[in-house]
C-alpha atoms as a PDB file:
ATOM      1  CA  MET A   1    -321.446-124.761 177.443  1.00  0.00           C
ATOM      2  CA  GLN A   2    -319.468-126.078 174.453  1.00  0.00           C
ATOM      3  CA  SER A   3    -321.873-124.435 172.005  1.00  0.00           C
ATOM      4  CA  HIS A   4    -321.419-121.104 173.804  1.00  0.00           C
ATOM      5  CA  THR A   5    -317.636-121.520 173.642  1.00  0.00           C
ATOM      6  CA  LEU A   6    -317.709-122.319 169.914  1.00  0.00           C
ATOM      7  CA  ALA A   7    -320.014-119.358 169.237  1.00  0.00           C
ATOM      8  CA  GLY A   8    -317.794-117.091 171.330  1.00  0.00           C
ATOM      9  CA  ILE A   9    -314.604-118.099 169.509  1.00  0.00           C
ATOM     10  CA  SER A  10    -316.346-117.687 166.131  1.00  0.00           C
ATOM     11  CA  LEU A  11    -317.449-114.166 167.076  1.00  0.00           C
ATOM     12  CA  VAL A  12    -313.929-113.308 168.239  1.00  0.00           C
ATOM     13  CA  ILE A  13    -312.497-114.417 164.878  1.00  0.00           C
ATOM     14  CA  LEU A  14    -315.090-112.366 162.971  1.00  0.00           C
ATOM     15  CA  ALA A  15    -314.285-109.402 165.196  1.00  0.00           C
ATOM     16  CA  GLY A  16    -310.594-109.775 164.375  1.00  0.00           C
ATOM     17  CA  VAL A  17    -311.283-109.804 160.622  1.00  0.00           C
ATOM     18  CA  SER A  18    -313.468-106.690 160.871  1.00  0.00           C
ATOM     19  CA  SER A  19    -311.038-104.776 163.081  1.00  0.00           C
ATOM     20  CA  GLY A  20    -308.077-105.941 160.989  1.00  0.00           C
ATOM     21  CA  THR A  21    -309.571-104.270 157.914  1.00  0.00           C
ATOM     22  CA  VAL A  22    -310.080-100.874 159.570  1.00  0.00           C
ATOM     23  CA  LEU A  23    -306.941 -99.142 158.276  1.00  0.00           C
ATOM     24  CA  LEU A  24    -307.162-100.540 154.739  1.00  0.00           C
ATOM     25  CA  PRO A  25    -309.377 -97.693 153.412  1.00  0.00           C
ATOM     26  CA  MET A  26    -306.648 -95.205 154.415  1.00  0.00           C
ATOM     27  CA  LYS A  27    -304.607 -96.457 151.474  1.00  0.00           C
ATOM     28  CA  TYR A  28    -307.261 -95.116 149.087  1.00  0.00           C
ATOM     29  CA  VAL A  29    -307.724 -91.650 150.629  1.00  0.00           C
ATOM     30  CA  ARG A  30    -306.534 -88.887 148.295  1.00  0.00           C
ATOM     31  CA  ASP A  31    -305.011 -85.477 149.044  1.00  0.00           C
ATOM     32  CA  TRP A  32    -305.495 -85.662 152.826  1.00  0.00           C
ATOM     33  CA  LYS A  33    -302.770 -85.785 155.449  1.00  0.00           C
ATOM     34  CA  PHE A  34    -302.917 -88.339 158.227  1.00  0.00           C
ATOM     35  CA  GLN A  35    -304.452 -85.883 160.703  1.00  0.00           C
ATOM     36  CA  ASN A  36    -307.211 -85.023 158.212  1.00  0.00           C
ATOM     37  CA  ILE A  37    -308.220 -88.684 158.153  1.00  0.00           C
ATOM     38  CA  TRP A  38    -307.769 -89.256 161.866  1.00  0.00           C
ATOM     39  CA  LEU A  39    -310.125 -86.504 163.061  1.00  0.00           C
ATOM     40  CA  PRO A  40    -313.392 -87.638 161.366  1.00  0.00           C
ATOM     41  CA  TYR A  41    -312.511 -91.319 161.811  1.00  0.00           C
ATOM     42  CA  CYS A  42    -311.866 -90.977 165.541  1.00  0.00           C
ATOM     43  CA  PHE A  43    -314.903 -88.791 166.118  1.00  0.00           C
ATOM     44  CA  LEU A  44    -317.140 -91.383 164.466  1.00  0.00           C
ATOM     45  CA  ALA A  45    -315.473 -94.589 165.642  1.00  0.00           C
ATOM     46  CA  TYR A  46    -314.455 -93.646 169.168  1.00  0.00           C
ATOM     47  CA  PHE A  47    -316.990 -91.042 170.251  1.00  0.00           C
ATOM     48  CA  LEU A  48    -320.242 -90.950 168.267  1.00  0.00           C
ATOM     49  CA  PHE A  49    -320.796 -94.601 167.311  1.00  0.00           C
ATOM     50  CA  PRO A  50    -320.020 -96.042 170.781  1.00  0.00           C
ATOM     51  CA  TRP A  51    -322.646 -93.829 172.422  1.00  0.00           C
ATOM     52  CA  VAL A  52    -325.177 -94.483 169.665  1.00  0.00           C
ATOM     53  CA  MET A  53    -324.628 -98.220 170.082  1.00  0.00           C
ATOM     54  CA  GLY A  54    -324.672 -98.074 173.873  1.00  0.00           C
ATOM     55  CA  LEU A  55    -327.855 -96.022 174.091  1.00  0.00           C
ATOM     56  CA  ALA A  56    -329.577 -98.120 171.419  1.00  0.00           C
ATOM     57  CA  THR A  57    -328.733-101.541 172.827  1.00  0.00           C
ATOM     58  CA  VAL A  58    -328.619-100.987 176.604  1.00  0.00           C
ATOM     59  CA  PRO A  59    -331.923 -99.604 177.959  1.00  0.00           C
ATOM     60  CA  HIS A  60    -331.639 -97.603 181.200  1.00  0.00           C
ATOM     61  CA  ILE A  61    -327.876 -97.217 180.650  1.00  0.00           C
ATOM     62  CA  TRP A  62    -327.674 -94.212 182.986  1.00  0.00           C
ATOM     63  CA  SER A  63    -329.359 -96.158 185.796  1.00  0.00           C
ATOM     64  CA  ILE A  64    -326.891 -98.986 185.214  1.00  0.00           C
ATOM     65  CA  TYR A  65    -323.978 -96.553 185.487  1.00  0.00           C
ATOM     66  CA  ALA A  66    -325.393 -95.135 188.701  1.00  0.00           C
ATOM     67  CA  ALA A  67    -325.749 -98.616 190.169  1.00  0.00           C
ATOM     68  CA  ALA A  68    -322.179 -99.553 189.207  1.00  0.00           C
ATOM     69  CA  GLY A  69    -320.795 -96.625 191.197  1.00  0.00           C
ATOM     70  CA  PHE A  70    -318.407 -93.748 190.487  1.00  0.00           C
ATOM     71  CA  PRO A  71    -315.111 -95.636 191.184  1.00  0.00           C
ATOM     72  CA  THR A  72    -315.997 -98.267 188.572  1.00  0.00           C
ATOM     73  CA  LEU A  73    -316.891 -95.593 186.021  1.00  0.00           C
ATOM     74  CA  LEU A  74    -313.735 -93.606 186.781  1.00  0.00           C
ATOM     75  CA  TRP A  75    -311.299 -96.522 186.401  1.00  0.00           C
ATOM     76  CA  THR A  76    -313.030 -97.725 183.250  1.00  0.00           C
ATOM     77  CA  ALA A  77    -312.662 -94.240 181.758  1.00  0.00           C
ATOM     78  CA  ILE A  78    -309.029 -93.885 182.891  1.00  0.00           C
ATOM     79  CA  PHE A  79    -308.010 -97.189 181.300  1.00  0.00           C
ATOM     80  CA  GLY A  80    -309.963 -96.216 178.204  1.00  0.00           C
ATOM     81  CA  PHE A  81    -308.092 -92.901 178.006  1.00  0.00           C
ATOM     82  CA  GLY A  82    -304.765 -94.733 178.233  1.00  0.00           C
ATOM     83  CA  TRP A  83    -305.863 -97.067 175.462  1.00  0.00           C
ATOM     84  CA  GLY A  84    -306.702 -93.986 173.361  1.00  0.00           C
ATOM     85  CA  ILE A  85    -303.061 -92.887 173.523  1.00  0.00           C
ATOM     86  CA  SER A  86    -302.074 -96.253 172.063  1.00  0.00           C
ATOM     87  CA  VAL A  87    -304.446 -95.652 169.149  1.00  0.00           C
ATOM     88  CA  VAL A  88    -302.659 -92.401 168.266  1.00  0.00           C
ATOM     89  CA  LEU A  89    -299.338 -94.268 168.271  1.00  0.00           C
ATOM     90  CA  TYR A  90    -300.917 -97.060 166.221  1.00  0.00           C
ATOM     91  CA  GLY A  91    -301.937 -94.654 163.490  1.00  0.00           C
ATOM     92  CA  LEU A  92    -298.579 -92.878 163.451  1.00  0.00           C
ATOM     93  CA  GLY A  93    -296.730 -96.194 163.351  1.00  0.00           C
ATOM     94  CA  TYR A  94    -298.824 -97.298 160.385  1.00  0.00           C
ATOM     95  CA  THR A  95    -297.814 -94.228 158.367  1.00  0.00           C
ATOM     96  CA  ILE A  96    -294.125 -95.046 158.932  1.00  0.00           C
ATOM     97  CA  VAL A  97    -293.729 -98.837 158.775  1.00  0.00           C
ATOM     98  CA  GLY A  98    -296.886-100.020 156.968  1.00  0.00           C
ATOM     99  CA  LEU A  99    -299.973-102.038 157.801  1.00  0.00           C
ATOM    100  CA  SER A 100    -298.598-105.572 158.048  1.00  0.00           C
ATOM    101  CA  LEU A 101    -295.591-104.763 160.220  1.00  0.00           C
ATOM    102  CA  THR A 102    -297.479-102.328 162.458  1.00  0.00           C
ATOM    103  CA  SER A 103    -300.155-104.887 163.229  1.00  0.00           C
ATOM    104  CA  ALA A 104    -297.684-107.706 163.858  1.00  0.00           C
ATOM    105  CA  ILE A 105    -295.743-105.671 166.421  1.00  0.00           C
ATOM    106  CA  ILE A 106    -298.538-103.736 168.116  1.00  0.00           C
ATOM    107  CA  LEU A 107    -301.199-106.397 168.281  1.00  0.00           C
ATOM    108  CA  GLY A 108    -298.893-109.310 168.993  1.00  0.00           C
ATOM    109  CA  SER A 109    -296.878-107.556 171.712  1.00  0.00           C
ATOM    110  CA  SER A 110    -300.086-106.620 173.518  1.00  0.00           C
ATOM    111  CA  VAL A 111    -301.218-110.226 173.852  1.00  0.00           C
ATOM    112  CA  ALA A 112    -299.043-111.284 176.782  1.00  0.00           C
ATOM    113  CA  ILE A 113    -299.980-108.344 179.017  1.00  0.00           C
ATOM    114  CA  GLY A 114    -303.519-108.160 177.699  1.00  0.00           C
ATOM    115  CA  SER A 115    -304.308-111.746 178.623  1.00  0.00           C
ATOM    116  CA  LEU A 116    -302.143-112.225 181.710  1.00  0.00           C
ATOM    117  CA  VAL A 117    -303.314-109.133 183.611  1.00  0.00           C
ATOM    118  CA  PRO A 118    -306.979-110.204 183.583  1.00  0.00           C
ATOM    119  CA  LEU A 119    -305.862-113.659 184.713  1.00  0.00           C
ATOM    120  CA  LEU A 120    -303.953-112.109 187.614  1.00  0.00           C
ATOM    121  CA  VAL A 121    -306.947-109.966 188.549  1.00  0.00           C
ATOM    122  CA  LEU A 122    -309.700-112.558 188.114  1.00  0.00           C
ATOM    123  CA  ASP A 123    -308.039-115.847 189.060  1.00  0.00           C
ATOM    124  CA  ARG A 124    -304.533-115.264 190.406  1.00  0.00           C
ATOM    125  CA  HIS A 125    -304.032-118.712 191.919  1.00  0.00           C
ATOM    126  CA  ARG A 126    -304.555-120.265 188.477  1.00  0.00           C
ATOM    127  CA  LEU A 127    -301.474-118.610 186.955  1.00  0.00           C
ATOM    128  CA  PHE A 128    -299.019-121.397 187.822  1.00  0.00           C
ATOM    129  CA  SER A 129    -301.557-124.206 187.878  1.00  0.00           C
ATOM    130  CA  ALA A 130    -301.912-126.946 185.298  1.00  0.00           C
ATOM    131  CA  SER A 131    -304.562-124.884 183.510  1.00  0.00           C
ATOM    132  CA  GLY A 132    -302.750-121.546 183.805  1.00  0.00           C
ATOM    133  CA  LEU A 133    -299.327-122.568 182.533  1.00  0.00           C
ATOM    134  CA  PRO A 134    -300.577-123.225 178.963  1.00  0.00           C
ATOM    135  CA  ILE A 135    -301.838-119.613 178.864  1.00  0.00           C
ATOM    136  CA  VAL A 136    -298.442-118.313 179.999  1.00  0.00           C
ATOM    137  CA  GLY A 137    -296.619-120.561 177.517  1.00  0.00           C
ATOM    138  CA  ALA A 138    -298.858-119.514 174.624  1.00  0.00           C
ATOM    139  CA  ASP A 139    -298.319-115.838 175.468  1.00  0.00           C
ATOM    140  CA  LEU A 140    -294.534-116.285 175.464  1.00  0.00           C
ATOM    141  CA  LEU A 141    -294.826-118.066 172.127  1.00  0.00           C
ATOM    142  CA  MET A 142    -296.805-115.123 170.782  1.00  0.00           C
ATOM    143  CA  LEU A 143    -294.087-112.726 171.932  1.00  0.00           C
ATOM    144  CA  ALA A 144    -291.452-114.767 170.099  1.00  0.00           C
ATOM    145  CA  GLY A 145    -293.518-114.445 166.930  1.00  0.00           C
ATOM    146  CA  VAL A 146    -293.758-110.687 167.426  1.00  0.00           C
ATOM    147  CA  LEU A 147    -289.987-110.337 167.718  1.00  0.00           C
ATOM    148  CA  LEU A 148    -289.522-112.331 164.528  1.00  0.00           C
ATOM    149  CA  CYS A 149    -291.967-110.041 162.708  1.00  0.00           C
ATOM    150  CA  ALA A 150    -290.111-106.963 163.957  1.00  0.00           C
ATOM    151  CA  ARG A 151    -286.851-108.481 162.713  1.00  0.00           C
ATOM    152  CA  ALA A 152    -288.448-109.232 159.350  1.00  0.00           C
ATOM    153  CA  GLY A 153    -289.631-105.625 159.097  1.00  0.00           C
ATOM    154  CA  GLY A 154    -286.102-104.331 159.555  1.00  0.00           C
ATOM    155  CA  MET A 155    -284.843-106.727 156.899  1.00  0.00           C
ATOM    156  CA  ARG A 156    -287.627-105.634 154.539  1.00  0.00           C
ATOM    157  CA  GLU A 157    -286.875-101.953 155.008  1.00  0.00           C
ATOM    158  CA  LYS A 158    -283.176-102.549 154.281  1.00  0.00           C
ATOM    159  CA  ALA A 159    -283.926-104.620 151.170  1.00  0.00           C
ATOM    160  CA  GLN A 160    -286.359-102.056 149.761  1.00  0.00           C
ATOM    161  CA  ALA A 161    -283.927 -99.202 150.425  1.00  0.00           C
ATOM    162  CA  SER A 162    -281.138-101.070 148.615  1.00  0.00           C
ATOM    163  CA  ALA A 163    -283.396-101.702 145.631  1.00  0.00           C
ATOM    164  CA  VAL A 164    -284.223 -97.992 145.256  1.00  0.00           C
ATOM    165  CA  ASN A 165    -281.297 -95.756 146.173  1.00  0.00           C
ATOM    166  CA  GLY A 166    -279.663 -97.269 149.219  1.00  0.00           C
ATOM    167  CA  VAL A 167    -281.134 -94.617 151.564  1.00  0.00           C
ATOM    168  CA  ARG A 168    -283.061 -96.085 154.484  1.00  0.00           C
ATOM    169  CA  ASN A 169    -286.066 -94.404 156.075  1.00  0.00           C
ATOM    170  CA  PRO A 170    -284.656 -92.238 158.914  1.00  0.00           C
ATOM    171  CA  HIS A 171    -287.957 -92.554 160.808  1.00  0.00           C
ATOM    172  CA  PHE A 172    -288.159 -96.351 160.627  1.00  0.00           C
ATOM    173  CA  ARG A 173    -286.717 -97.010 164.094  1.00  0.00           C
ATOM    174  CA  ARG A 174    -288.974 -94.351 165.579  1.00  0.00           C
ATOM    175  CA  GLY A 175    -291.930 -96.103 163.949  1.00  0.00           C
ATOM    176  CA  ILE A 176    -290.890 -99.439 165.467  1.00  0.00           C
ATOM    177  CA  ILE A 177    -290.612 -97.859 168.932  1.00  0.00           C
ATOM    178  CA  MET A 178    -294.060 -96.292 168.511  1.00  0.00           C
ATOM    179  CA  CYS A 179    -295.452 -99.715 167.611  1.00  0.00           C
ATOM    180  CA  PHE A 180    -294.046-101.384 170.720  1.00  0.00           C
ATOM    181  CA  ALA A 181    -295.281 -98.534 172.954  1.00  0.00           C
ATOM    182  CA  ALA A 182    -298.718 -98.763 171.355  1.00  0.00           C
ATOM    183  CA  GLY A 183    -298.735-102.522 171.895  1.00  0.00           C
ATOM    184  CA  ILE A 184    -298.164-102.125 175.620  1.00  0.00           C
ATOM    185  CA  LEU A 185    -300.722 -99.351 176.069  1.00  0.00           C
ATOM    186  CA  SER A 186    -303.334-101.093 173.916  1.00  0.00           C
ATOM    187  CA  THR A 187    -303.792-103.734 176.601  1.00  0.00           C
ATOM    188  CA  LEU A 188    -305.527-101.093 178.706  1.00  0.00           C
ATOM    189  CA  PHE A 189    -308.654-101.643 176.611  1.00  0.00           C
ATOM    190  CA  ASN A 190    -308.930-105.212 177.844  1.00  0.00           C
ATOM    191  CA  ILE A 191    -308.208-104.045 181.404  1.00  0.00           C
ATOM    192  CA  ALA A 192    -310.985-101.460 181.019  1.00  0.00           C
ATOM    193  CA  LEU A 193    -313.406-104.265 180.140  1.00  0.00           C
ATOM    194  CA  VAL A 194    -312.326-106.170 183.247  1.00  0.00           C
ATOM    195  CA  SER A 195    -312.596-103.053 185.462  1.00  0.00           C
ATOM    196  CA  GLY A 196    -316.058-102.430 184.051  1.00  0.00           C
ATOM    197  CA  ARG A 197    -317.414-105.876 184.872  1.00  0.00           C
ATOM    198  CA  PRO A 198    -319.677-104.444 187.602  1.00  0.00           C
ATOM    199  CA  ILE A 199    -321.350-102.405 184.840  1.00  0.00           C
ATOM    200  CA  THR A 200    -321.914-105.581 182.822  1.00  0.00           C
ATOM    201  CA  GLN A 201    -323.275-107.378 185.879  1.00  0.00           C
ATOM    202  CA  HIS A 202    -325.769-104.592 186.592  1.00  0.00           C
ATOM    203  CA  ALA A 203    -326.785-104.624 182.917  1.00  0.00           C
ATOM    204  CA  LEU A 204    -327.437-108.366 183.124  1.00  0.00           C
ATOM    205  CA  ALA A 205    -329.433-107.803 186.318  1.00  0.00           C
ATOM    206  CA  HIS A 206    -331.585-105.336 184.362  1.00  0.00           C
ATOM    207  CA  GLY A 207    -332.381-108.133 181.890  1.00  0.00           C
ATOM    208  CA  ILE A 208    -329.995-107.046 179.121  1.00  0.00           C
ATOM    209  CA  ASP A 209    -328.984-109.846 176.758  1.00  0.00           C
ATOM    210  CA  PRO A 210    -325.393-111.132 177.393  1.00  0.00           C
ATOM    211  CA  LEU A 211    -324.402-110.209 173.830  1.00  0.00           C
ATOM    212  CA  ARG A 212    -325.290-106.565 174.529  1.00  0.00           C
ATOM    213  CA  ALA A 213    -324.525-106.160 178.225  1.00  0.00           C
ATOM    214  CA  SER A 214    -320.849-105.276 177.690  1.00  0.00           C
ATOM    215  CA  ASN A 215    -321.807-102.452 175.317  1.00  0.00           C
ATOM    216  CA  ALA A 216    -322.322-100.227 178.342  1.00  0.00           C
ATOM    217  CA  VAL A 217    -318.694-100.827 179.365  1.00  0.00           C
ATOM    218  CA  TRP A 218    -316.899-100.211 176.118  1.00  0.00           C
ATOM    219  CA  SER A 219    -319.115 -97.241 175.209  1.00  0.00           C
ATOM    220  CA  LEU A 220    -317.663 -95.484 178.234  1.00  0.00           C
ATOM    221  CA  ALA A 221    -314.100 -96.753 177.791  1.00  0.00           C
ATOM    222  CA  ILE A 222    -313.866 -95.980 174.081  1.00  0.00           C
ATOM    223  CA  SER A 223    -315.408 -92.523 174.332  1.00  0.00           C
ATOM    224  CA  ALA A 224    -312.778 -91.698 176.968  1.00  0.00           C
ATOM    225  CA  GLY A 225    -310.167 -93.048 174.551  1.00  0.00           C
ATOM    226  CA  SER A 226    -311.412 -90.709 171.833  1.00  0.00           C
ATOM    227  CA  LEU A 227    -310.212 -87.669 173.792  1.00  0.00           C
ATOM    228  CA  PRO A 228    -306.423 -87.992 173.222  1.00  0.00           C
ATOM    229  CA  ASN A 229    -307.055 -88.864 169.561  1.00  0.00           C
ATOM    230  CA  LEU A 230    -309.303 -85.867 168.902  1.00  0.00           C
ATOM    231  CA  LEU A 231    -307.012 -83.538 170.830  1.00  0.00           C
ATOM    232  CA  TRP A 232    -303.929 -84.689 168.893  1.00  0.00           C
ATOM    233  CA  ALA A 233    -305.692 -84.383 165.513  1.00  0.00           C
ATOM    234  CA  VAL A 234    -307.030 -80.885 166.222  1.00  0.00           C
ATOM    235  CA  MET A 235    -303.628 -79.657 167.448  1.00  0.00           C
ATOM    236  CA  LYS A 236    -301.890 -81.162 164.407  1.00  0.00           C
ATOM    237  CA  LEU A 237    -304.405 -79.649 161.991  1.00  0.00           C
ATOM    238  CA  LYS A 238    -304.007 -76.248 163.616  1.00  0.00           C
ATOM    239  CA  ARG A 239    -300.216 -76.457 163.495  1.00  0.00           C
ATOM    240  CA  THR A 240    -300.093 -77.541 159.835  1.00  0.00           C
ATOM    241  CA  HIS A 241    -302.936 -75.276 158.666  1.00  0.00           C
ATOM    242  CA  ALA A 242    -304.560 -78.308 157.007  1.00  0.00           C
ATOM    243  CA  TRP A 243    -308.224 -77.509 157.713  1.00  0.00           C
ATOM    244  CA  GLY A 244    -308.801 -76.218 154.198  1.00  0.00           C
ATOM    245  CA  VAL A 245    -308.441 -79.598 152.466  1.00  0.00           C
ATOM    246  CA  TYR A 246    -311.817 -80.649 153.859  1.00  0.00           C
ATOM    247  CA  ARG A 247    -313.467 -78.271 151.374  1.00  0.00           C
ATOM    248  CA  VAL A 248    -311.612 -79.251 148.183  1.00  0.00           C
ATOM    249  CA  GLY A 249    -310.627 -82.218 146.018  1.00  0.00           C
ATOM    250  CA  ALA A 250    -311.852 -85.704 146.866  1.00  0.00           C
ATOM    251  CA  SER A 251    -313.320 -84.733 150.233  1.00  0.00           C
ATOM    252  CA  LYS A 252    -316.658 -86.521 149.717  1.00  0.00           C
ATOM    253  CA  ARG A 253    -314.920 -89.764 148.751  1.00  0.00           C
ATOM    254  CA  ASN A 254    -312.495 -89.426 151.656  1.00  0.00           C
ATOM    255  CA  PHE A 255    -315.257 -88.828 154.208  1.00  0.00           C
ATOM    256  CA  ILE A 256    -317.029 -91.969 152.968  1.00  0.00           C
ATOM    257  CA  LEU A 257    -313.821 -93.961 153.449  1.00  0.00           C
ATOM    258  CA  CYS A 258    -313.549 -92.595 157.014  1.00  0.00           C
ATOM    259  CA  VAL A 259    -317.125 -93.738 157.690  1.00  0.00           C
ATOM    260  CA  VAL A 260    -316.271 -97.215 156.352  1.00  0.00           C
ATOM    261  CA  MET A 261    -313.266 -97.350 158.696  1.00  0.00           C
ATOM    262  CA  ALA A 262    -315.444 -96.364 161.654  1.00  0.00           C
ATOM    263  CA  VAL A 263    -318.145 -98.936 160.822  1.00  0.00           C
ATOM    264  CA  LEU A 264    -315.556-101.714 160.518  1.00  0.00           C
ATOM    265  CA  TRP A 265    -314.041-100.755 163.853  1.00  0.00           C
ATOM    266  CA  ILE A 266    -317.288-100.471 165.800  1.00  0.00           C
ATOM    267  CA  GLY A 267    -318.503-103.733 164.273  1.00  0.00           C
ATOM    268  CA  GLY A 268    -315.399-105.576 165.428  1.00  0.00           C
ATOM    269  CA  THR A 269    -315.664-104.068 168.899  1.00  0.00           C
ATOM    270  CA  VAL A 270    -319.328-105.063 169.302  1.00  0.00           C
ATOM    271  CA  LEU A 271    -318.560-108.626 168.222  1.00  0.00           C
ATOM    272  CA  TYR A 272    -315.595-108.892 170.591  1.00  0.00           C
ATOM    273  CA  GLY A 273    -317.520-107.492 173.559  1.00  0.00           C
ATOM    274  CA  GLY A 274    -320.341-109.994 173.060  1.00  0.00           C
ATOM    275  CA  ALA A 275    -317.902-112.866 172.542  1.00  0.00           C
ATOM    276  CA  THR A 276    -316.179-112.303 175.908  1.00  0.00           C
ATOM    277  CA  ASN A 277    -319.519-112.811 177.659  1.00  0.00           C
ATOM    278  CA  LEU A 278    -320.205-116.033 175.743  1.00  0.00           C
ATOM    279  CA  LEU A 279    -316.748-117.338 176.649  1.00  0.00           C
ATOM    280  CA  GLY A 280    -317.505-117.001 180.364  1.00  0.00           C
ATOM    281  CA  ARG A 281    -315.602-115.610 183.313  1.00  0.00           C
ATOM    282  CA  LEU A 282    -312.192-115.876 181.633  1.00  0.00           C
ATOM    283  CA  GLY A 283    -313.428-114.624 178.279  1.00  0.00           C
ATOM    284  CA  ALA A 284    -311.048-111.653 178.373  1.00  0.00           C
ATOM    285  CA  VAL A 285    -308.111-114.022 179.009  1.00  0.00           C
ATOM    286  CA  VAL A 286    -308.796-116.401 176.140  1.00  0.00           C
ATOM    287  CA  GLY A 287    -310.640-114.054 173.775  1.00  0.00           C
ATOM    288  CA  TRP A 288    -308.075-111.242 173.698  1.00  0.00           C
ATOM    289  CA  PRO A 289    -305.184-113.221 172.144  1.00  0.00           C
ATOM    290  CA  ILE A 290    -307.492-114.793 169.545  1.00  0.00           C
ATOM    291  CA  TYR A 291    -308.904-111.369 168.676  1.00  0.00           C
ATOM    292  CA  MET A 292    -305.420-109.887 168.351  1.00  0.00           C
ATOM    293  CA  SER A 293    -304.190-112.788 166.210  1.00  0.00           C
ATOM    294  CA  GLY A 294    -307.196-112.476 163.907  1.00  0.00           C
ATOM    295  CA  MET A 295    -306.364-108.805 163.411  1.00  0.00           C
ATOM    296  CA  ILE A 296    -302.702-109.600 162.771  1.00  0.00           C
ATOM    297  CA  LEU A 297    -303.502-112.135 160.074  1.00  0.00           C
ATOM    298  CA  THR A 298    -306.064-109.872 158.410  1.00  0.00           C
ATOM    299  CA  ASN A 299    -303.760-106.852 158.458  1.00  0.00           C
ATOM    300  CA  ASN A 300    -300.914-108.900 157.012  1.00  0.00           C
ATOM    301  CA  PHE A 301    -303.184-110.227 154.283  1.00  0.00           C
ATOM    302  CA  TRP A 302    -304.112-106.686 153.243  1.00  0.00           C
ATOM    303  CA  GLY A 303    -300.484-105.610 153.547  1.00  0.00           C
ATOM    304  CA  TRP A 304    -299.415-108.282 151.071  1.00  0.00           C
ATOM    305  CA  ILE A 305    -302.319-107.542 148.718  1.00  0.00           C
ATOM    306  CA  THR A 306    -301.445-103.834 148.615  1.00  0.00           C
ATOM    307  CA  ASP A 307    -297.750-104.477 147.812  1.00  0.00           C
ATOM    308  CA  GLU A 308    -296.130-103.427 151.092  1.00  0.00           C
ATOM    309  CA  TRP A 309    -293.644-106.260 150.497  1.00  0.00           C
ATOM    310  CA  LYS A 310    -293.267-105.613 146.776  1.00  0.00           C
ATOM    311  CA  GLY A 311    -289.829-106.572 145.470  1.00  0.00           C
ATOM    312  CA  VAL A 312    -288.795-108.263 148.743  1.00  0.00           C
ATOM    313  CA  ARG A 313    -287.730-111.913 148.516  1.00  0.00           C
ATOM    314  CA  GLY A 314    -285.789-114.474 150.516  1.00  0.00           C
ATOM    315  CA  SER A 315    -284.992-114.166 154.222  1.00  0.00           C
ATOM    316  CA  PRO A 316    -287.259-111.200 155.146  1.00  0.00           C
ATOM    317  CA  VAL A 317    -290.307-113.012 153.783  1.00  0.00           C
ATOM    318  CA  THR A 318    -289.308-116.295 155.426  1.00  0.00           C
ATOM    319  CA  VAL A 319    -288.797-114.642 158.812  1.00  0.00           C
ATOM    320  CA  MET A 320    -292.113-112.780 158.532  1.00  0.00           C
ATOM    321  CA  PHE A 321    -294.018-115.950 157.712  1.00  0.00           C
ATOM    322  CA  ALA A 322    -292.286-117.733 160.605  1.00  0.00           C
ATOM    323  CA  GLY A 323    -293.418-114.999 162.995  1.00  0.00           C
ATOM    324  CA  ILE A 324    -296.987-115.162 161.701  1.00  0.00           C
ATOM    325  CA  PHE A 325    -297.013-118.973 161.928  1.00  0.00           C
ATOM    326  CA  ILE A 326    -295.821-118.852 165.540  1.00  0.00           C
ATOM    327  CA  GLN A 327    -298.571-116.381 166.410  1.00  0.00           C
ATOM    328  CA  LEU A 328    -301.095-118.661 164.720  1.00  0.00           C
ATOM    329  CA  ALA A 329    -299.839-121.573 166.786  1.00  0.00           C
ATOM    330  CA  SER A 330    -300.258-119.601 170.002  1.00  0.00           C
ATOM    331  CA  MET A 331    -303.796-118.649 168.937  1.00  0.00           C
ATOM    332  CA  VAL A 332    -304.648-122.331 168.498  1.00  0.00           C
ATOM    333  CA  LEU A 333    -303.153-123.178 171.892  1.00  0.00           C
ATOM    334  CA  LEU A 334    -305.124-120.469 173.644  1.00  0.00           C
ATOM    335  CA  SER A 335    -308.372-121.562 172.000  1.00  0.00           C
ATOM    336  CA  GLN A 336    -307.884-124.978 173.599  1.00  0.00           C
ATOM    337  CA  VAL A 337    -307.474-123.637 177.155  1.00  0.00           C
END
């Protein structure tokens, strides 16, 4: 049991690193607007790759869906669709406030809801027990770290504006609000995995390996989540008349970067789905915060490397590091539950 737990936590951490690197290639795309990047990325990452992976790794997937029943499929898809809305907000928030701050707010703020809801659904009586209280306490600690990171972001934006011309970004507050909204909605992905447990159970009954059984769940949930992303991108491209850039300039290079983003994302998702099975019945409770924290740390690392905090010293940096440290501490606490 301990070896399975250690392997599960290791896979969750690897998943966080992979998923936390997804948006980095966007910094190196040339001549494309955000919607030009988002359309091919979302089609590959959220629609095509999930079904390729599901069909390739889960034999008899359609029979498994039939056995799970329509209500299970419907709720899994609905929660997946809601999660897809959070992804749109995630991308928009990134373009306004940057990689490190976006990840700290969105991913951290989703931890409390994302881990507590499965606990309420799967094992409600444990919430205020001796074993449940550490989970609640660690989630509250994570939220405190998120608020510190949001505060640090505001301080950074003010410092950078003062260093240039004193004019602050008029969209900054809107970006922060988008990040918090995305953080709340992003928890629906974890809820989709919990709602789809009957699918996983039928996959296991068909002899599917535990590392691959959950692929049938997230293939459905993520493909449903692709719909709001693809719809938004197509509408935005039509409104801005930006279809033509796909045929000129650095299009080949940009498409390759979109493929890299999609591969990183699907890789992280596969690892996380398998890890929740290795972690047991409460894998979604313990695994989700660790996964989110791994993404936060990775995103912040890339944010620092790519000079998002260039020229900022003193209190903003101190507050940001304090928020990250607190989130790290909560990750350690949750891994001990």
